[in-house]
């Protein structure tokens, strides 16, 4: 079993004909006055997508994820509220990234609880991280 196979949930795969990816649909803006375009490409569960498309989408997802996880500790530890030192800010950011990574792996892998039929995690690719909901509460407490 390879590293990537560890994180995949095995299901029956359908034989689906691979269509070429529509780069124009993905990269061109949709203007309000333009005629409607064809719907976006749709990939089924466990259907293989082209490597370049997977890399671009993965990079975009990683950038969005890191931005959301790092911003909350920066807001709380910044010069306005807690006035933490640089080392303390680095610690908060590192803790957020590590906990987010570990919990995301648990969520993606989907661990079974014995013979109960219950699972920990959804088995879907999803990211757990810090939440902006707690910023006002934490700022009030400081």
N, C-alpha and C. Protein backbone atom coordinates (compact mmCIF):
# COMPACT_ATOMS: atom_id res chain seq x y z
N UNK A 1 0.86 -1.18 0.00
CA UNK A 1 0.00 0.00 0.00
C UNK A 1 0.90 1.24 0.00
N UNK A 2 0.70 2.11 -0.96
CA UNK A 2 1.49 3.33 -1.07
C UNK A 2 0.97 4.42 -0.13
N UNK A 3 1.74 5.50 -0.05
CA UNK A 3 1.37 6.62 0.81
C UNK A 3 0.02 7.20 0.42
N UNK A 4 -0.19 7.40 -0.89
CA UNK A 4 -1.46 8.00 -1.34
C UNK A 4 -2.63 7.05 -1.12
N UNK A 5 -2.40 5.72 -1.23
CA UNK A 5 -3.49 4.76 -1.03
C UNK A 5 -4.01 4.78 0.40
N UNK A 6 -3.18 5.18 1.36
CA UNK A 6 -3.59 5.22 2.76
C UNK A 6 -4.74 6.20 2.97
N UNK A 7 -4.78 7.27 2.19
CA UNK A 7 -5.78 8.31 2.38
C UNK A 7 -6.98 8.17 1.46
N UNK A 8 -7.04 7.12 0.67
CA UNK A 8 -8.16 6.94 -0.24
C UNK A 8 -9.15 5.93 0.33
N UNK A 9 -10.43 6.23 0.22
CA UNK A 9 -11.46 5.29 0.60
C UNK A 9 -11.81 4.49 -0.64
N UNK A 10 -11.71 3.19 -0.55
CA UNK A 10 -11.93 2.33 -1.71
C UNK A 10 -13.43 2.15 -1.96
N UNK A 11 -13.85 2.41 -3.17
CA UNK A 11 -15.23 2.15 -3.57
C UNK A 11 -15.19 1.55 -4.97
N UNK A 12 -16.33 1.08 -5.42
CA UNK A 12 -16.38 0.56 -6.78
C UNK A 12 -16.29 1.72 -7.75
N UNK A 13 -15.40 1.57 -8.72
CA UNK A 13 -15.21 2.63 -9.70
C UNK A 13 -16.03 2.33 -10.95
N UNK A 14 -16.66 3.36 -11.47
CA UNK A 14 -17.37 3.22 -12.72
C UNK A 14 -16.40 3.47 -13.86
N UNK A 15 -16.60 2.78 -14.95
CA UNK A 15 -15.79 3.05 -16.13
C UNK A 15 -16.37 4.29 -16.81
N UNK A 16 -15.66 5.39 -16.72
CA UNK A 16 -16.12 6.65 -17.28
C UNK A 16 -15.10 7.10 -18.32
N UNK A 17 -15.59 7.48 -19.45
CA UNK A 17 -14.71 7.96 -20.51
C UNK A 17 -14.19 9.34 -20.12
N UNK A 18 -12.87 9.51 -20.20
CA UNK A 18 -12.28 10.79 -19.83
C UNK A 18 -12.46 11.80 -20.96
N UNK A 19 -13.02 12.93 -20.63
CA UNK A 19 -13.18 14.00 -21.60
C UNK A 19 -12.04 14.99 -21.42
N UNK A 20 -11.62 15.66 -22.48
CA UNK A 20 -10.55 16.65 -22.32
C UNK A 20 -11.04 17.80 -21.44
N UNK A 21 -10.14 18.34 -20.65
CA UNK A 21 -10.51 19.40 -19.72
C UNK A 21 -10.70 20.71 -20.48
N UNK A 22 -11.73 21.46 -20.14
CA UNK A 22 -12.04 22.71 -20.81
C UNK A 22 -11.33 23.86 -20.09
N UNK A 23 -10.10 24.16 -20.49
CA UNK A 23 -9.31 25.21 -19.86
C UNK A 23 -9.93 26.58 -20.08
N UNK A 24 -10.56 26.78 -21.23
CA UNK A 24 -11.17 28.08 -21.51
C UNK A 24 -12.26 28.39 -20.49
N UNK A 25 -13.08 27.38 -20.14
CA UNK A 25 -14.15 27.62 -19.18
C UNK A 25 -13.55 27.98 -17.82
N UNK A 26 -12.45 27.32 -17.43
CA UNK A 26 -11.88 27.55 -16.12
C UNK A 26 -11.15 28.88 -16.02
N UNK A 27 -10.50 29.32 -17.09
CA UNK A 27 -9.61 30.49 -17.01
C UNK A 27 -10.23 31.79 -17.51
N UNK A 28 -11.31 31.74 -18.23
CA UNK A 28 -11.88 32.96 -18.79
C UNK A 28 -13.00 33.49 -17.89
N UNK A 29 -13.06 34.79 -17.71
CA UNK A 29 -14.14 35.34 -16.86
C UNK A 29 -15.49 35.24 -17.56
N UNK A 30 -16.52 35.12 -16.77
CA UNK A 30 -17.89 35.11 -17.30
C UNK A 30 -18.43 36.54 -17.18
N UNK A 31 -18.72 37.13 -18.30
CA UNK A 31 -19.21 38.50 -18.33
C UNK A 31 -20.74 38.49 -18.28
N UNK A 32 -21.35 39.45 -17.56
CA UNK A 32 -22.81 39.43 -17.40
C UNK A 32 -23.57 39.56 -18.71
N UNK A 33 -23.01 40.26 -19.68
CA UNK A 33 -23.74 40.48 -20.92
C UNK A 33 -23.43 39.42 -21.98
N UNK A 34 -22.51 38.50 -21.68
CA UNK A 34 -22.16 37.46 -22.64
C UNK A 34 -23.23 36.36 -22.63
N UNK A 35 -23.39 35.67 -23.75
CA UNK A 35 -24.35 34.56 -23.76
C UNK A 35 -23.88 33.46 -22.81
N UNK A 36 -24.82 32.68 -22.27
CA UNK A 36 -24.44 31.63 -21.32
C UNK A 36 -23.51 30.61 -21.97
N UNK A 37 -22.58 30.11 -21.19
CA UNK A 37 -21.62 29.13 -21.70
C UNK A 37 -22.04 27.73 -21.28
N UNK A 38 -21.32 26.74 -21.79
CA UNK A 38 -21.59 25.36 -21.40
C UNK A 38 -21.27 25.18 -19.92
N UNK A 39 -21.88 24.20 -19.28
CA UNK A 39 -21.58 23.98 -17.86
C UNK A 39 -20.12 23.55 -17.66
N UNK A 40 -19.59 23.70 -16.45
CA UNK A 40 -18.20 23.33 -16.19
C UNK A 40 -18.00 21.82 -16.28
N UNK A 41 -16.76 21.38 -16.43
CA UNK A 41 -16.51 19.94 -16.44
C UNK A 41 -16.85 19.34 -15.08
N UNK A 42 -17.37 18.14 -15.08
CA UNK A 42 -17.79 17.47 -13.85
C UNK A 42 -17.05 16.15 -13.74
N UNK A 43 -16.45 15.91 -12.59
CA UNK A 43 -15.74 14.66 -12.35
C UNK A 43 -16.48 13.86 -11.30
N UNK A 44 -16.64 12.58 -11.54
CA UNK A 44 -17.32 11.70 -10.61
C UNK A 44 -16.39 11.33 -9.45
N UNK A 45 -16.96 10.78 -8.38
CA UNK A 45 -16.20 10.32 -7.23
C UNK A 45 -15.19 9.28 -7.69
N UNK A 46 -13.94 9.44 -7.28
CA UNK A 46 -12.84 8.53 -7.60
C UNK A 46 -12.48 8.49 -9.07
N UNK A 47 -12.99 9.42 -9.87
CA UNK A 47 -12.60 9.48 -11.27
C UNK A 47 -11.25 10.19 -11.34
N UNK A 48 -10.37 9.66 -12.14
CA UNK A 48 -9.04 10.25 -12.28
C UNK A 48 -9.16 11.54 -13.08
N UNK A 49 -8.49 12.60 -12.59
CA UNK A 49 -8.44 13.85 -13.32
C UNK A 49 -7.02 14.06 -13.80
N UNK A 50 -6.82 14.87 -14.82
CA UNK A 50 -5.46 15.10 -15.32
C UNK A 50 -4.56 15.65 -14.21
N UNK A 51 -3.29 15.23 -14.23
CA UNK A 51 -2.35 15.60 -13.18
C UNK A 51 -2.18 17.11 -13.08
N UNK A 52 -2.09 17.81 -14.19
CA UNK A 52 -1.91 19.26 -14.16
C UNK A 52 -3.11 19.94 -13.52
N UNK A 53 -4.30 19.50 -13.82
CA UNK A 53 -5.51 20.06 -13.21
C UNK A 53 -5.51 19.81 -11.71
N UNK A 54 -5.14 18.60 -11.30
CA UNK A 54 -5.09 18.27 -9.87
C UNK A 54 -4.06 19.13 -9.15
N UNK A 55 -2.90 19.37 -9.78
CA UNK A 55 -1.87 20.18 -9.15
C UNK A 55 -2.30 21.63 -9.01
N UNK A 56 -2.93 22.18 -10.04
CA UNK A 56 -3.39 23.57 -9.99
C UNK A 56 -4.48 23.73 -8.93
N UNK A 57 -5.45 22.83 -8.91
CA UNK A 57 -6.52 22.91 -7.92
C UNK A 57 -6.00 22.67 -6.51
N UNK A 58 -5.05 21.77 -6.34
CA UNK A 58 -4.46 21.52 -5.03
C UNK A 58 -3.69 22.73 -4.53
N UNK A 59 -2.93 23.39 -5.42
CA UNK A 59 -2.18 24.59 -5.04
C UNK A 59 -3.13 25.71 -4.63
N UNK A 60 -4.20 25.89 -5.39
CA UNK A 60 -5.20 26.91 -5.06
C UNK A 60 -5.83 26.61 -3.70
N UNK A 61 -6.14 25.36 -3.45
CA UNK A 61 -6.75 24.97 -2.18
C UNK A 61 -5.78 25.20 -1.03
N UNK A 62 -4.51 24.87 -1.22
CA UNK A 62 -3.51 25.06 -0.16
C UNK A 62 -3.34 26.53 0.17
N UNK A 63 -3.32 27.39 -0.83
CA UNK A 63 -3.19 28.83 -0.57
C UNK A 63 -4.38 29.36 0.21
N UNK A 64 -5.58 28.96 -0.17
CA UNK A 64 -6.78 29.41 0.55
C UNK A 64 -6.78 28.88 1.98
N UNK A 65 -6.35 27.64 2.16
CA UNK A 65 -6.34 27.03 3.48
C UNK A 65 -5.33 27.72 4.39
N UNK A 66 -4.12 27.96 3.90
CA UNK A 66 -3.09 28.57 4.73
C UNK A 66 -3.49 30.00 5.11
N UNK A 67 -4.06 30.73 4.17
CA UNK A 67 -4.50 32.09 4.47
C UNK A 67 -5.51 32.14 5.59
N UNK A 68 -6.47 31.23 5.58
CA UNK A 68 -7.49 31.21 6.62
C UNK A 68 -6.97 30.75 7.97
N UNK A 69 -6.02 29.82 7.96
CA UNK A 69 -5.50 29.28 9.22
C UNK A 69 -4.54 30.26 9.88
N UNK A 70 -3.77 30.99 9.10
CA UNK A 70 -2.75 31.89 9.65
C UNK A 70 -3.34 33.23 10.08
N UNK A 71 -4.39 33.67 9.46
CA UNK A 71 -4.93 35.01 9.73
C UNK A 71 -5.47 35.16 11.15
N UNK A 72 -6.16 34.16 11.66
CA UNK A 72 -6.76 34.27 13.00
C UNK A 72 -5.70 34.45 14.09
N UNK A 73 -4.64 33.63 14.14
CA UNK A 73 -3.61 33.90 15.15
C UNK A 73 -2.94 35.26 14.98
N UNK A 74 -2.77 35.70 13.73
CA UNK A 74 -2.17 37.02 13.52
C UNK A 74 -3.07 38.13 14.04
N UNK A 75 -4.37 37.99 13.86
CA UNK A 75 -5.30 39.00 14.38
C UNK A 75 -5.31 39.05 15.90
N UNK A 76 -5.26 37.87 16.52
CA UNK A 76 -5.34 37.82 17.98
C UNK A 76 -4.03 38.21 18.65
N UNK A 77 -2.91 37.83 18.07
CA UNK A 77 -1.62 38.07 18.71
C UNK A 77 -0.97 39.37 18.25
N UNK A 78 -1.63 40.08 17.38
CA UNK A 78 -1.05 41.28 16.78
C UNK A 78 -0.87 42.44 17.75
N UNK A 79 -0.50 43.59 17.23
CA UNK A 79 -0.16 44.73 18.07
C UNK A 79 -1.36 45.37 18.77
N UNK A 80 -2.58 45.02 18.41
CA UNK A 80 -3.76 45.69 18.97
C UNK A 80 -4.31 45.00 20.21
N UNK A 81 -4.24 43.67 20.26
CA UNK A 81 -4.90 42.93 21.34
C UNK A 81 -3.90 42.38 22.36
N UNK A 82 -3.33 41.25 22.07
CA UNK A 82 -2.49 40.56 23.05
C UNK A 82 -1.08 41.12 23.11
N UNK A 83 -0.66 41.78 22.07
CA UNK A 83 0.70 42.34 21.98
C UNK A 83 1.75 41.27 22.31
N UNK A 84 1.63 40.14 21.67
CA UNK A 84 2.56 39.04 21.90
C UNK A 84 3.87 39.28 21.16
N UNK A 85 4.91 38.63 21.63
CA UNK A 85 6.22 38.74 20.96
C UNK A 85 6.17 37.95 19.66
N UNK A 86 7.18 38.13 18.85
CA UNK A 86 7.25 37.42 17.58
C UNK A 86 7.31 35.91 17.79
N UNK A 87 8.06 35.48 18.80
CA UNK A 87 8.14 34.04 19.07
C UNK A 87 6.77 33.47 19.47
N UNK A 88 6.01 34.20 20.24
CA UNK A 88 4.68 33.73 20.64
C UNK A 88 3.73 33.70 19.44
N UNK A 89 3.84 34.68 18.56
CA UNK A 89 3.02 34.67 17.33
C UNK A 89 3.38 33.47 16.47
N UNK A 90 4.68 33.20 16.32
CA UNK A 90 5.11 32.05 15.53
C UNK A 90 4.58 30.74 16.14
N UNK A 91 4.58 30.67 17.47
CA UNK A 91 4.07 29.48 18.16
C UNK A 91 2.58 29.29 17.87
N UNK A 92 1.80 30.37 17.96
CA UNK A 92 0.36 30.26 17.67
C UNK A 92 0.10 29.82 16.24
N UNK A 93 0.83 30.39 15.29
CA UNK A 93 0.65 30.02 13.88
C UNK A 93 1.04 28.56 13.66
N UNK A 94 2.17 28.14 14.24
CA UNK A 94 2.61 26.75 14.09
C UNK A 94 1.60 25.79 14.70
N UNK A 95 1.09 26.13 15.88
CA UNK A 95 0.09 25.27 16.53
C UNK A 95 -1.16 25.15 15.66
N UNK A 96 -1.60 26.27 15.09
CA UNK A 96 -2.78 26.23 14.22
C UNK A 96 -2.57 25.35 13.00
N UNK A 97 -1.38 25.45 12.38
CA UNK A 97 -1.09 24.65 11.18
C UNK A 97 -0.97 23.17 11.51
N UNK A 98 -0.30 22.84 12.62
CA UNK A 98 -0.12 21.43 12.99
C UNK A 98 -1.45 20.79 13.36
N UNK A 99 -2.23 21.45 14.19
CA UNK A 99 -3.53 20.89 14.60
C UNK A 99 -4.46 20.78 13.40
N UNK A 100 -4.44 21.77 12.54
CA UNK A 100 -5.28 21.71 11.34
C UNK A 100 -4.88 20.54 10.45
N UNK A 101 -3.59 20.31 10.30
CA UNK A 101 -3.12 19.19 9.47
C UNK A 101 -3.52 17.84 10.04
N UNK A 102 -3.31 17.65 11.35
CA UNK A 102 -3.63 16.37 11.98
C UNK A 102 -5.14 16.11 11.92
N UNK A 103 -5.94 17.10 12.28
CA UNK A 103 -7.39 16.91 12.27
C UNK A 103 -7.94 16.74 10.86
N UNK A 104 -7.34 17.40 9.88
CA UNK A 104 -7.78 17.22 8.49
C UNK A 104 -7.49 15.79 8.03
N UNK A 105 -6.34 15.23 8.41
CA UNK A 105 -6.03 13.84 8.04
C UNK A 105 -7.02 12.87 8.68
N UNK A 106 -7.39 13.11 9.93
CA UNK A 106 -8.39 12.26 10.59
C UNK A 106 -9.72 12.37 9.87
N UNK A 107 -10.10 13.58 9.49
CA UNK A 107 -11.37 13.80 8.79
C UNK A 107 -11.38 13.11 7.42
N UNK A 108 -10.25 13.16 6.72
CA UNK A 108 -10.18 12.59 5.38
C UNK A 108 -10.12 11.06 5.43
N UNK A 109 -9.39 10.49 6.38
CA UNK A 109 -9.17 9.04 6.42
C UNK A 109 -10.42 8.27 6.83
N UNK A 110 -11.18 8.74 7.76
CA UNK A 110 -12.40 8.11 8.26
C UNK A 110 -12.09 6.80 9.00
N UNK A 111 -11.85 6.90 10.29
CA UNK A 111 -11.54 5.76 11.13
C UNK A 111 -12.82 5.14 11.68
N UNK A 112 -12.88 3.81 11.68
CA UNK A 112 -14.06 3.09 12.15
C UNK A 112 -13.92 2.78 13.64
N UNK A 113 -15.02 2.92 14.40
CA UNK A 113 -15.05 2.59 15.82
C UNK A 113 -15.43 1.13 15.99
N UNK A 114 -14.45 0.25 16.08
CA UNK A 114 -14.69 -1.18 16.31
C UNK A 114 -15.70 -1.77 15.35
N UNK A 115 -16.67 -2.50 15.89
CA UNK A 115 -17.73 -3.12 15.08
C UNK A 115 -19.04 -2.35 15.16
N UNK A 116 -18.98 -1.10 15.62
CA UNK A 116 -20.21 -0.34 15.87
C UNK A 116 -20.87 0.19 14.60
N UNK A 117 -20.11 0.34 13.52
CA UNK A 117 -20.66 0.93 12.32
C UNK A 117 -20.54 2.44 12.28
N UNK A 118 -19.96 3.02 13.34
CA UNK A 118 -19.74 4.46 13.40
C UNK A 118 -18.32 4.80 12.98
N UNK A 119 -18.15 5.99 12.41
CA UNK A 119 -16.86 6.43 11.92
C UNK A 119 -16.47 7.77 12.52
N UNK A 120 -15.18 7.99 12.67
CA UNK A 120 -14.64 9.30 13.03
C UNK A 120 -14.09 9.90 11.75
N UNK A 121 -14.71 10.94 11.25
CA UNK A 121 -14.32 11.55 9.98
C UNK A 121 -15.34 11.25 8.91
N UNK A 122 -15.34 12.09 7.89
CA UNK A 122 -16.33 11.94 6.82
C UNK A 122 -15.84 11.13 5.65
N UNK A 123 -14.51 11.03 5.49
CA UNK A 123 -13.98 10.35 4.32
C UNK A 123 -13.93 11.27 3.11
N UNK A 124 -14.29 12.52 3.28
CA UNK A 124 -14.24 13.49 2.19
C UNK A 124 -13.04 14.41 2.37
N UNK A 125 -12.56 14.96 1.28
CA UNK A 125 -11.44 15.89 1.38
C UNK A 125 -11.98 17.20 1.93
N UNK A 126 -11.63 17.48 3.18
CA UNK A 126 -12.07 18.71 3.82
C UNK A 126 -10.99 19.16 4.79
N UNK A 127 -10.95 20.44 5.05
CA UNK A 127 -9.91 21.01 5.89
C UNK A 127 -10.54 21.53 7.17
N UNK A 128 -9.95 21.16 8.28
CA UNK A 128 -10.36 21.71 9.57
C UNK A 128 -9.31 22.73 9.98
N UNK A 129 -9.75 23.84 10.48
CA UNK A 129 -8.80 24.88 10.86
C UNK A 129 -9.40 25.86 11.84
N UNK A 130 -8.74 26.97 11.99
CA UNK A 130 -9.21 28.00 12.90
C UNK A 130 -10.45 28.67 12.32
N UNK A 131 -11.21 29.32 13.19
CA UNK A 131 -12.45 29.94 12.77
C UNK A 131 -12.45 31.42 13.16
N UNK A 132 -12.95 32.24 12.28
CA UNK A 132 -13.06 33.67 12.57
C UNK A 132 -14.18 33.96 13.56
N UNK A 133 -15.01 32.98 13.86
CA UNK A 133 -16.11 33.16 14.79
C UNK A 133 -15.61 33.52 16.19
N UNK A 134 -14.44 32.99 16.55
CA UNK A 134 -13.93 33.19 17.91
C UNK A 134 -13.11 34.46 18.07
N UNK A 135 -12.86 35.19 16.99
CA UNK A 135 -12.03 36.40 17.08
C UNK A 135 -12.67 37.44 18.01
N UNK A 136 -13.96 37.81 17.86
CA UNK A 136 -14.53 38.81 18.76
C UNK A 136 -14.56 38.35 20.22
N UNK A 137 -14.83 37.07 20.44
CA UNK A 137 -14.87 36.55 21.81
C UNK A 137 -13.48 36.61 22.44
N UNK A 138 -12.47 36.18 21.68
CA UNK A 138 -11.10 36.19 22.20
C UNK A 138 -10.60 37.63 22.42
N UNK A 139 -10.98 38.54 21.53
CA UNK A 139 -10.55 39.93 21.70
C UNK A 139 -11.18 40.55 22.95
N UNK A 140 -12.41 40.19 23.24
CA UNK A 140 -13.06 40.70 24.43
C UNK A 140 -12.40 40.16 25.70
N UNK A 141 -11.96 38.90 25.64
CA UNK A 141 -11.36 38.28 26.81
C UNK A 141 -9.95 38.80 27.09
N UNK A 142 -9.32 39.41 26.11
CA UNK A 142 -7.92 39.85 26.30
C UNK A 142 -7.88 41.13 27.04
